[in-house]
Amino acid sequence: MNQHELINKANQEVERNREMVESDPYRLRFHLMPPVGLLNDPNGFIQFNGVYHLFYQWNPFETSHGAKFWGHFTSKDLINWEHQPIALAPSEWYEKNGCYSGSAIEHEGKMVLFYTGNVKDENGDRETYQCMAVSQDGITFDKKGPVIHLPEGYTAHFRDPKVWNKDNTWYMVLGAQDLDEQGKVVLYSSTDLKNWELLGPITGSFMNQLGPFGYMWECPDLFELDGKDVLLVSPQGLDQVGDLYQNLFQAGYFVGELDYKKASYQHGSFTELDRGFDFYAPQTTVDEKGRRLLFAWMGITDDYEKYQPTIEKGWIHAMTLPRVLIRKGEKVIQQPVEELQQLRKHEVSNNEVQLTTSNVTLEGVKGEAVELLLDKMNYEGETFEINFRGGARFVYSPKVGKMSLHRENFKDGSLESRHCMIDAVKKLHVFIDTSSIEIFVNDGEEVFTARYYPDVADHSIIFSADGKVQFDLKKWDLG
């Protein structure tokens, strides 16, 4: 099928399923979701001519991972988003099994997309091409075809180009797997965006003091943050170590320095960006205010993905809230963008709340789309807990220095948990949507992100303490 036919077919799928999808009580109120089918990685995140563009991996025909399109949202304020026409459909020989993830830049007043063309032959063998598409208006794109073919030394797991400019030279990082099936990040350079020179791997499994560290590194994003070079990456194949690496695949960062002349990246240890269940493939951009902004896929490909309840209504997955990144030493801090404050309605304020018992409800503190702020937190006991709508629980044990997020497993309803050690929880900033939760701890020192599916009639937020806990509380409905 040509691009026009594929786009028409996808649009028909949206219209045919619109009523069913929109009838789902688990549709989110203030997060980006697919109009039908499956959404995954954020792509091409950019502010272009004053407008934020966020593209996304999209399978409009199924709630499973198939031949991906690039869906497209735009916004002037990071709050109100419009769905735009499909940007890329897998219509050409070099992308026939999917227009995979990539990035966007502005060049000479045009928006330029780079993405991976995924091809599988009749035997299921994979081919991969790094492709370019150009737009005058940021809405309709002219495909230019492959600009990079698979180099020697790598398997066809070679994808997710992220492009930036430094000192009048273009650079690209790609996620890769070498012939020993070890994950790598590979660096290219170009003066014209069309002809690219391979500079080599800059880090990965068995490089830069790392031992074995995953069989594939996806979705790299390298950028300067407050004077250091930060590499975001999503390694696949890390074994769980205590409370670390508890999801099937991880998303995190290194802080270091990229030597552009030597094409080498010296960095510290790997740190997970999020401690929850659903956070993968983050991508960033810099906006006109100079902020380093991040979106991530609020989902993951694992054995439980196919049991998410929204599948019955013809859709699956969403994006996280947009976040601002700040570096404090070797730590990358994530904070919700300040624009989200425009969503606030009906403030409830309660200073010096004191808890000494379990199952406490506070007047006016409930809802299905809610922002909570707990500040000046003090503890004289063993545990503090918040139960969100009967579907997720945040538990903090001050004496142990451990916090946990618990939810029901999508497949069998059993309790599953994610944990993180912390010196002290002084502040909690929580965004509750109809079927998601994002908890920012101590102004974003740690974050827990998860989808969860409570009883739709349960709007309760219940506090419990073993011992005494005191805090100031603010709550807003979000609309």
Protein backbone atom coordinates (compact mmCIF):
# COMPACT_ATOMS: atom_id res chain seq x y z
CA MET A 1 0.00 0.00 0.00
CA ASN A 2 1.19 3.53 -0.64
CA GLN A 3 1.40 6.11 2.16
CA HIS A 4 -1.94 7.72 1.24
CA GLU A 5 -3.77 4.37 1.37
CA LEU A 6 -2.16 3.38 4.68
CA ILE A 7 -3.06 6.71 6.27
CA ASN A 8 -6.65 6.43 5.03
CA LYS A 9 -6.90 2.93 6.44
CA ALA A 10 -5.55 4.12 9.83
CA ASN A 11 -7.98 7.07 9.89
CA GLN A 12 -10.88 4.71 9.18
CA GLU A 13 -9.75 2.56 12.10
CA VAL A 14 -9.82 5.62 14.37
CA GLU A 15 -13.35 6.55 13.28
CA ARG A 16 -14.68 3.00 13.46
CA ASN A 17 -13.51 2.60 17.07
CA ARG A 18 -13.94 6.15 18.35
CA GLU A 19 -17.13 5.52 20.34
CA MET A 20 -15.82 2.35 21.97
CA VAL A 21 -12.45 3.89 22.89
CA GLU A 22 -13.96 7.06 24.30
CA SER A 23 -16.46 5.08 26.39
CA ASP A 24 -13.61 3.60 28.45
CA PRO A 25 -13.70 4.98 32.02
CA TYR A 26 -9.93 4.43 32.16
CA ARG A 27 -9.27 7.00 29.41
CA LEU A 28 -6.92 9.54 30.96
CA ARG A 29 -7.90 13.15 31.62
CA PHE A 30 -4.56 14.93 31.29
CA HIS A 31 -2.19 12.53 29.55
CA LEU A 32 -1.58 11.83 25.87
CA MET A 33 -3.05 8.56 24.56
CA PRO A 34 -3.56 6.94 21.15
CA PRO A 35 -6.96 7.49 19.50
CA VAL A 36 -7.05 3.71 18.96
CA GLY A 37 -4.54 0.85 19.07
CA LEU A 38 -1.12 0.90 20.68
CA LEU A 39 1.13 3.85 21.55
CA ASN A 40 4.73 3.45 22.64
CA ASP A 41 7.95 5.52 22.37
CA PRO A 42 7.84 9.32 22.19
CA ASN A 43 9.55 10.46 18.97
CA GLY A 44 10.66 13.73 17.36
CA PHE A 45 10.00 15.86 20.46
CA ILE A 46 10.75 19.46 19.44
CA GLN A 47 9.56 23.03 19.76
CA PHE A 48 9.29 24.31 16.18
CA ASN A 49 8.17 27.88 15.39
CA GLY A 50 6.90 28.23 18.95
CA VAL A 51 4.80 25.03 18.84
CA TYR A 52 5.63 21.83 20.73
CA HIS A 53 5.51 18.72 18.53
CA LEU A 54 5.44 15.23 20.00
CA PHE A 55 5.34 12.28 17.62
CA TYR A 56 4.84 8.74 18.85
CA GLN A 57 5.18 5.13 17.83
CA TRP A 58 1.69 3.99 16.88
CA ASN A 59 0.02 0.80 15.72
CA PRO A 60 -3.52 1.92 14.81
CA PHE A 61 -4.70 -1.58 13.85
CA GLU A 62 -3.92 -3.63 16.97
CA THR A 63 -3.17 -3.32 20.66
CA SER A 64 0.06 -5.25 20.05
CA HIS A 65 3.39 -4.25 18.49
CA GLY A 66 3.21 -4.36 14.69
CA ALA A 67 4.25 -2.13 11.78
CA LYS A 68 4.54 1.26 13.44
CA PHE A 69 3.34 4.63 12.17
CA TRP A 70 4.34 8.01 13.57
CA GLY A 71 1.33 9.62 15.22
CA HIS A 72 1.57 13.33 15.93
CA PHE A 73 0.43 15.76 18.65
CA THR A 74 1.02 19.53 18.84
CA SER A 75 0.62 22.06 21.65
CA LYS A 76 1.38 25.71 22.32
CA ASP A 77 1.49 25.28 26.09
CA LEU A 78 2.25 21.59 26.95
CA ILE A 79 -1.30 21.36 28.35
CA ASN A 80 -3.75 21.56 25.44
CA TRP A 81 -2.79 19.10 22.70
CA GLU A 82 -4.19 18.65 19.23
CA HIS A 83 -4.02 15.51 17.16
CA GLN A 84 -2.41 16.21 13.78
CA PRO A 85 -2.46 14.10 10.61
CA ILE A 86 -0.25 11.00 10.64
CA ALA A 87 3.34 12.07 9.97
CA LEU A 88 4.86 8.81 8.71
CA ALA A 89 3.33 5.55 7.50
CA PRO A 90 5.37 2.41 6.65
CA SER A 91 4.82 2.57 2.89
CA GLU A 92 8.32 2.34 1.34
CA TRP A 93 10.64 -0.63 0.83
CA TYR A 94 13.08 0.64 3.47
CA GLU A 95 10.43 0.89 6.24
CA LYS A 96 7.75 -1.60 5.21
CA ASN A 97 7.65 -3.27 8.65
CA GLY A 98 7.62 -0.06 10.64
CA CYS A 99 8.74 3.55 10.88
CA TYR A 100 10.61 3.03 14.12
CA SER A 101 11.72 5.59 16.69
CA GLY A 102 13.76 8.71 16.02
CA SER A 103 14.09 12.43 16.57
CA ALA A 104 13.47 15.87 15.06
CA ILE A 105 15.64 18.93 14.47
CA GLU A 106 15.11 22.36 12.95
CA HIS A 107 17.40 23.24 10.01
CA GLU A 108 17.12 26.25 7.69
CA GLY A 109 13.55 26.87 8.84
CA LYS A 110 12.46 23.30 8.13
CA MET A 111 11.69 20.42 10.45
CA VAL A 112 13.79 17.34 9.71
CA LEU A 113 12.88 13.90 11.10
CA PHE A 114 15.33 11.02 11.47
CA TYR A 115 13.89 7.57 12.11
CA THR A 116 14.64 3.88 11.71
CA GLY A 117 13.14 2.01 8.79
CA ASN A 118 12.44 -1.55 9.90
CA VAL A 119 12.33 -4.34 7.28
CA LYS A 120 11.80 -8.07 7.71
CA ASP A 121 12.21 -10.52 4.84
CA GLU A 122 10.16 -13.65 4.23
CA ASN A 123 12.41 -15.62 6.64
CA GLY A 124 11.89 -13.06 9.41
CA ASP A 125 15.44 -11.71 9.06
CA ARG A 126 15.71 -8.04 9.91
CA GLU A 127 17.16 -5.14 7.93
CA THR A 128 17.54 -1.64 9.32
CA TYR A 129 17.93 1.79 7.69
CA GLN A 130 18.28 5.25 9.23
CA CYS A 131 15.96 7.49 7.23
CA MET A 132 15.21 11.18 6.83
CA ALA A 133 12.02 13.15 6.13
CA VAL A 134 11.67 16.92 5.71
CA SER A 135 8.77 19.32 6.34
CA GLN A 136 8.22 23.00 5.62
CA ASP A 137 5.28 23.33 8.01
CA GLY A 138 5.87 20.58 10.60
CA ILE A 139 2.72 18.76 9.46
CA THR A 140 3.34 17.14 6.06
CA PHE A 141 6.62 15.30 5.48
CA ASP A 142 8.59 14.50 2.35
CA LYS A 143 10.53 11.25 2.80
CA LYS A 144 14.14 11.34 1.60
CA GLY A 145 14.88 7.66 2.21
CA PRO A 146 17.87 6.07 3.97
CA VAL A 147 20.88 8.20 4.92
CA ILE A 148 22.69 5.47 6.91
CA HIS A 149 22.92 1.75 6.12
CA LEU A 150 23.96 -0.85 8.68
CA PRO A 151 27.74 -0.65 9.27
CA GLU A 152 30.02 -3.65 9.77
CA GLY A 153 30.31 -4.97 13.31
CA TYR A 154 26.65 -4.69 14.32
CA THR A 155 23.51 -6.78 14.12
CA ALA A 156 20.33 -5.33 12.57
CA HIS A 157 19.31 -4.19 16.07
CA PHE A 158 20.58 -0.73 15.18
CA ARG A 159 18.01 2.01 15.65
CA ASP A 160 16.51 5.11 17.29
CA PRO A 161 18.60 8.02 15.89
CA LYS A 162 18.82 11.13 18.10
CA VAL A 163 20.36 14.13 16.32
CA TRP A 164 21.75 17.44 17.62
CA ASN A 165 24.10 20.22 16.53
CA LYS A 166 27.35 21.18 18.25
CA ASP A 167 29.78 23.78 16.86
CA ASN A 168 28.22 23.70 13.37
CA THR A 169 28.49 19.91 13.11
CA TRP A 170 25.57 17.51 13.30
CA TYR A 171 25.86 14.48 15.57
CA MET A 172 23.70 11.39 15.91
CA VAL A 173 23.61 8.67 18.57
CA LEU A 174 22.06 5.30 17.81
CA GLY A 175 21.14 2.34 19.97
CA ALA A 176 22.97 -0.77 18.81
CA GLN A 177 23.93 -4.37 19.36
CA ASP A 178 27.39 -5.57 18.36
CA LEU A 179 28.14 -8.99 16.84
CA ASP A 180 28.78 -10.38 20.35
CA GLU A 181 25.19 -9.35 21.17
CA GLN A 182 26.26 -6.62 23.58
CA GLY A 183 24.39 -3.31 23.80
CA LYS A 184 26.20 -0.18 22.59
CA VAL A 185 25.63 3.51 21.82
CA VAL A 186 27.18 4.53 18.49
CA LEU A 187 28.11 8.08 17.41
CA TYR A 188 27.97 9.55 13.89
CA SER A 189 28.74 13.03 12.56
CA SER A 190 27.69 15.00 9.47
CA THR A 191 28.07 18.46 7.96
CA ASP A 192 24.99 18.27 5.70
CA LEU A 193 22.56 15.77 7.36
CA LYS A 194 22.79 13.51 4.29
CA ASN A 195 26.33 12.10 4.49
CA TRP A 196 27.15 10.59 7.86
CA GLU A 197 30.51 9.38 9.18
CA LEU A 198 30.65 6.58 11.74
CA LEU A 199 32.82 7.72 14.67
CA GLY A 200 32.35 4.48 16.62
CA PRO A 201 30.80 3.22 19.85
CA ILE A 202 31.08 5.69 22.75
CA THR A 203 29.83 3.45 25.54
CA GLY A 204 28.00 0.22 26.21
CA SER A 205 28.30 -3.25 27.62
CA PHE A 206 31.99 -4.02 28.42
CA MET A 207 33.04 -0.39 27.86
CA ASN A 208 33.99 2.46 30.24
CA GLN A 209 34.29 0.38 33.43
CA LEU A 210 31.00 -1.39 32.70
CA GLY A 211 30.90 -5.16 32.72
CA PRO A 212 28.10 -7.03 30.97
CA PHE A 213 25.29 -4.46 30.78
CA GLY A 214 22.53 -5.64 28.50
CA TYR A 215 22.21 -7.15 25.03
CA MET A 216 20.67 -4.05 23.36
CA TRP A 217 20.67 -0.35 24.26
CA GLU A 218 17.58 1.44 22.91
CA CYS A 219 16.57 5.08 22.52
CA PRO A 220 19.80 6.93 23.38
CA ASP A 221 19.58 10.69 23.94
CA LEU A 222 22.76 12.66 24.60
CA PHE A 223 22.64 16.31 25.66
CA GLU A 224 24.39 18.90 27.78
CA LEU A 225 22.77 19.61 31.14
CA ASP A 226 24.29 22.30 33.37
CA GLY A 227 27.80 21.75 32.04
CA LYS A 228 27.86 17.94 31.84
CA ASP A 229 26.94 15.53 29.05
CA VAL A 230 24.03 13.34 30.09
CA LEU A 231 23.20 10.16 28.19
CA LEU A 232 19.69 8.77 28.58
CA VAL A 233 19.40 5.19 27.39
CA SER A 234 17.15 2.15 27.77
CA PRO A 235 19.24 -1.01 28.20
CA GLN A 236 17.60 -4.40 27.66
CA GLY A 237 18.82 -7.47 29.47
CA LEU A 238 19.94 -6.19 32.89
CA ASP A 239 19.54 -8.67 35.72
CA GLN A 240 17.71 -7.49 38.82
CA VAL A 241 20.09 -6.43 41.62
CA GLY A 242 18.22 -6.05 44.92
CA ASP A 243 15.76 -3.19 44.43
CA LEU A 244 17.38 -2.12 41.14
CA TYR A 245 16.34 -3.09 37.60
CA GLN A 246 13.03 -4.60 38.70
CA ASN A 247 11.24 -4.10 35.37
CA LEU A 248 11.86 -6.27 32.33
CA PHE A 249 13.68 -3.38 30.59
CA GLN A 250 15.23 -0.29 32.20
CA ALA A 251 15.47 3.42 31.42
CA GLY A 252 18.14 5.56 33.01
CA TYR A 253 21.13 7.82 32.56
CA PHE A 254 24.87 8.33 32.78
CA VAL A 255 26.49 11.68 33.64
CA GLY A 256 29.88 12.38 32.08
CA GLU A 257 31.81 14.15 29.34
CA LEU A 258 31.77 13.47 25.62
CA ASP A 259 35.08 14.11 23.85
CA TYR A 260 33.83 14.98 20.38
CA LYS A 261 37.33 14.81 18.83
CA LYS A 262 38.14 11.36 20.20
CA ALA A 263 34.51 10.16 20.05
CA SER A 264 34.77 8.86 23.60
CA TYR A 265 32.37 9.31 26.49
CA GLN A 266 33.69 9.08 30.05
CA HIS A 267 30.89 8.67 32.55
CA GLY A 268 29.84 7.53 35.99
CA SER A 269 27.46 4.75 36.96
CA PHE A 270 24.00 4.04 35.54
CA THR A 271 21.02 5.46 37.46
CA GLU A 272 17.39 4.60 36.80
CA LEU A 273 15.23 7.62 35.97
CA ASP A 274 12.07 6.16 37.46
CA ARG A 275 11.39 3.63 40.23
CA GLY A 276 7.89 2.62 39.18
CA PHE A 277 6.40 0.04 36.83
CA ASP A 278 5.79 1.99 33.62
CA PHE A 279 8.52 4.25 32.26
CA TYR A 280 10.56 3.59 29.12
CA ALA A 281 12.21 5.19 26.07
CA PRO A 282 12.42 8.78 27.41
CA GLN A 283 13.22 11.54 24.94
CA THR A 284 14.12 15.18 25.56
CA THR A 285 14.27 18.52 23.80
CA VAL A 286 15.25 22.08 24.72
CA ASP A 287 12.48 24.65 24.44
CA GLU A 288 12.62 28.39 23.86
CA LYS A 289 12.75 28.97 27.62
CA GLY A 290 15.99 26.97 27.74
CA ARG A 291 14.44 24.08 29.66
CA ARG A 292 15.45 20.47 29.02
CA LEU A 293 12.02 18.79 28.75
CA LEU A 294 11.29 15.07 28.83
CA PHE A 295 8.47 12.77 27.80
CA ALA A 296 8.56 9.00 28.28
CA TRP A 297 6.35 6.10 27.32
CA MET A 298 4.16 5.27 30.34
CA GLY A 299 4.27 1.57 29.56
CA ILE A 300 6.61 -1.29 28.85
CA THR A 301 6.77 -4.40 26.68
CA ASP A 302 6.56 -7.30 29.10
CA ASP A 303 4.60 -10.51 29.70
CA TYR A 304 1.76 -8.62 31.40
CA GLU A 305 1.25 -6.00 28.68
CA LYS A 306 -1.46 -8.00 26.93
CA TYR A 307 -3.57 -8.15 30.12
CA GLN A 308 -4.12 -4.40 30.47
CA PRO A 309 -7.87 -3.80 30.77
CA THR A 310 -8.02 -0.97 28.22
CA ILE A 311 -7.38 -3.52 25.46
CA GLU A 312 -11.06 -4.52 25.67
CA LYS A 313 -11.85 -0.96 24.55
CA GLY A 314 -9.38 -1.04 21.66
CA TRP A 315 -6.42 0.96 22.99
CA ILE A 316 -3.34 0.65 25.20
CA HIS A 317 -0.65 2.88 26.77
CA ALA A 318 -0.02 6.60 27.26
CA MET A 319 2.73 9.18 27.71
CA THR A 320 4.02 10.41 31.05
CA LEU A 321 3.47 14.01 32.05
CA PRO A 322 6.03 16.39 30.55
CA ARG A 323 8.92 16.94 32.94
CA VAL A 324 11.82 19.39 33.34
CA LEU A 325 15.29 17.95 33.92
CA ILE A 326 17.78 19.59 36.29
CA ARG A 327 21.20 18.26 37.28
CA LYS A 328 22.34 18.27 40.91
CA GLY A 329 25.84 16.80 40.99
CA GLU A 330 25.67 13.32 39.48
CA LYS A 331 21.90 13.21 39.93
CA VAL A 332 19.31 14.12 37.30
CA ILE A 333 16.18 15.57 38.92
CA GLN A 334 12.76 15.40 37.22
CA GLN A 335 10.02 17.90 37.99
CA PRO A 336 6.54 18.29 36.46
CA VAL A 337 6.44 21.30 34.11
CA GLU A 338 5.02 24.41 35.78
CA GLU A 339 2.39 24.73 33.03
CA LEU A 340 0.51 21.84 34.67
CA GLN A 341 -0.56 24.29 37.38
CA GLN A 342 -3.03 25.70 34.83
CA LEU A 343 -5.06 22.49 35.27
CA ARG A 344 -5.69 23.12 38.97
CA LYS A 345 -9.22 23.64 40.26
CA HIS A 346 -10.86 23.62 43.72
CA GLU A 347 -7.90 23.88 46.06
CA VAL A 348 -8.17 22.15 49.44
CA SER A 349 -5.53 23.21 51.96
CA ASN A 350 -4.84 21.58 55.31
CA ASN A 351 -1.80 22.64 57.33
CA GLU A 352 -0.19 20.59 60.09
CA VAL A 353 -2.18 17.43 59.46
CA GLN A 354 -1.38 14.95 62.25
CA LEU A 355 -1.85 11.21 61.77
CA THR A 356 -1.51 8.60 64.50
CA THR A 357 -3.74 5.87 63.14
CA SER A 358 -4.78 3.95 60.03
CA ASN A 359 -7.42 4.48 57.34
CA VAL A 360 -7.85 8.25 57.75
CA THR A 361 -9.69 10.27 55.12
CA LEU A 362 -9.29 14.04 54.99
CA GLU A 363 -12.19 16.28 54.07
CA GLY A 364 -12.26 17.13 50.36
CA VAL A 365 -9.22 14.96 49.58
CA LYS A 366 -10.47 12.47 47.00
CA GLY A 367 -11.09 12.21 43.26
CA GLU A 368 -10.06 10.42 40.07
CA ALA A 369 -8.00 13.25 38.52
CA VAL A 370 -6.15 14.89 41.38
CA GLU A 371 -2.90 16.64 42.29
CA LEU A 372 -1.63 16.20 45.85
CA LEU A 373 1.19 18.08 47.56
CA LEU A 374 2.47 16.89 50.95
CA ASP A 375 5.20 19.09 52.42
CA LYS A 376 7.15 19.56 55.68
CA MET A 377 6.78 15.86 56.44
CA ASN A 378 7.83 14.65 59.92
CA TYR A 379 7.75 11.11 61.29
CA GLU A 380 7.86 9.59 64.75
CA GLY A 381 6.86 6.06 63.85
CA GLU A 382 7.44 2.97 61.75
CA THR A 383 5.46 3.55 58.53
CA PHE A 384 3.45 6.07 56.56
CA GLU A 385 1.11 4.99 53.79
CA ILE A 386 -1.24 6.49 51.19
CA ASN A 387 -3.82 4.26 49.50
CA PHE A 388 -4.87 5.66 46.13
CA ARG A 389 -8.43 4.66 45.17
CA GLY A 390 -7.91 1.12 46.45
CA GLY A 391 -5.66 0.38 43.46
CA ALA A 392 -2.16 1.52 44.45
CA ARG A 393 -0.35 2.12 47.72
CA PHE A 394 2.71 4.23 48.51
CA VAL A 395 4.48 3.09 51.70
CA TYR A 396 7.43 4.76 53.41
CA SER A 397 9.39 3.29 56.33
CA PRO A 398 11.49 6.12 57.84
CA LYS A 399 13.65 3.90 60.07
CA VAL A 400 14.57 1.59 57.19
CA GLY A 401 14.84 4.46 54.68
CA LYS A 402 12.76 2.61 52.12
CA MET A 403 9.76 3.57 50.01
CA SER A 404 7.58 1.26 47.97
CA LEU A 405 4.79 1.43 45.43
CA HIS A 406 2.36 -1.50 45.37
CA ARG A 407 -0.35 -2.28 42.80
CA GLU A 408 -2.38 -5.23 41.57
CA ASN A 409 -0.85 -7.28 38.78
CA PHE A 410 -2.80 -6.91 35.51
CA LYS A 411 -2.86 -10.67 34.85
CA ASP A 412 -3.85 -12.27 38.14
CA GLY A 413 -4.55 -9.46 40.62
CA SER A 414 -1.62 -10.45 42.86
CA LEU A 415 0.27 -7.69 44.66
CA GLU A 416 3.43 -6.45 42.93
CA SER A 417 5.88 -3.90 44.28
CA ARG A 418 8.72 -1.56 43.36
CA HIS A 419 11.11 -0.25 45.97
CA CYS A 420 13.72 2.46 46.44
CA MET A 421 16.03 3.45 49.29
CA ILE A 422 16.06 7.12 50.35
CA ASP A 423 17.53 9.19 53.19
CA ALA A 424 14.24 10.89 54.09
CA VAL A 425 10.91 11.65 52.41
CA LYS A 426 10.27 15.33 53.07
CA LYS A 427 7.90 16.14 50.23
CA LEU A 428 5.53 14.18 47.97
CA HIS A 429 4.01 15.62 44.80
CA VAL A 430 1.46 13.21 43.32
CA PHE A 431 -0.50 13.29 40.06
CA ILE A 432 -3.41 10.84 40.02
CA ASP A 433 -5.27 10.27 36.76
CA THR A 434 -8.09 7.83 36.05
CA SER A 435 -5.61 4.99 35.43
CA SER A 436 -2.14 6.36 36.16
CA ILE A 437 -0.09 7.69 39.03
CA GLU A 438 3.14 9.72 39.09
CA ILE A 439 4.81 10.38 42.44
CA PHE A 440 7.62 12.96 42.62
CA VAL A 441 9.61 12.56 45.85
CA ASN A 442 11.59 15.48 47.33
CA ASP A 443 11.12 17.76 44.31
CA GLY A 444 11.93 14.98 41.86
CA GLU A 445 14.91 13.36 43.56
CA GLU A 446 13.08 10.09 42.86
CA VAL A 447 9.94 9.37 40.81
CA PHE A 448 7.51 6.45 40.70
CA THR A 449 5.37 6.14 37.54
CA ALA A 450 2.70 3.51 37.02
CA ARG A 451 -0.52 2.61 35.31
CA TYR A 452 -3.12 1.12 37.62
CA TYR A 453 -6.79 0.24 37.28
CA PRO A 454 -8.83 0.90 40.42
CA ASP A 455 -12.57 0.42 40.75
CA VAL A 456 -13.88 3.36 38.71
CA ALA A 457 -16.35 4.28 41.47
CA ASP A 458 -13.62 4.45 44.13
CA HIS A 459 -12.30 8.02 44.44
CA SER A 460 -10.88 7.58 47.94
CA ILE A 461 -7.44 8.69 49.12
CA ILE A 462 -6.71 7.09 52.49
CA PHE A 463 -3.81 7.89 54.83
CA SER A 464 -2.34 5.58 57.44
CA ALA A 465 0.41 5.90 60.04
CA ASP A 466 2.05 3.50 62.46
CA GLY A 467 3.22 6.10 64.98
CA LYS A 468 2.91 9.84 64.41
CA VAL A 469 3.22 11.65 61.08
CA GLN A 470 2.77 15.38 60.46
CA PHE A 471 2.60 17.28 57.14
CA ASP A 472 1.07 20.22 55.29
CA LEU A 473 -1.29 19.19 52.51
CA LYS A 474 -2.71 20.78 49.39
CA LYS A 475 -5.04 19.07 46.92
CA TRP A 476 -6.44 20.17 43.58
CA ASP A 477 -8.83 18.60 41.10
CA LEU A 478 -7.27 18.55 37.66
CA GLY A 479 -9.32 19.28 34.57
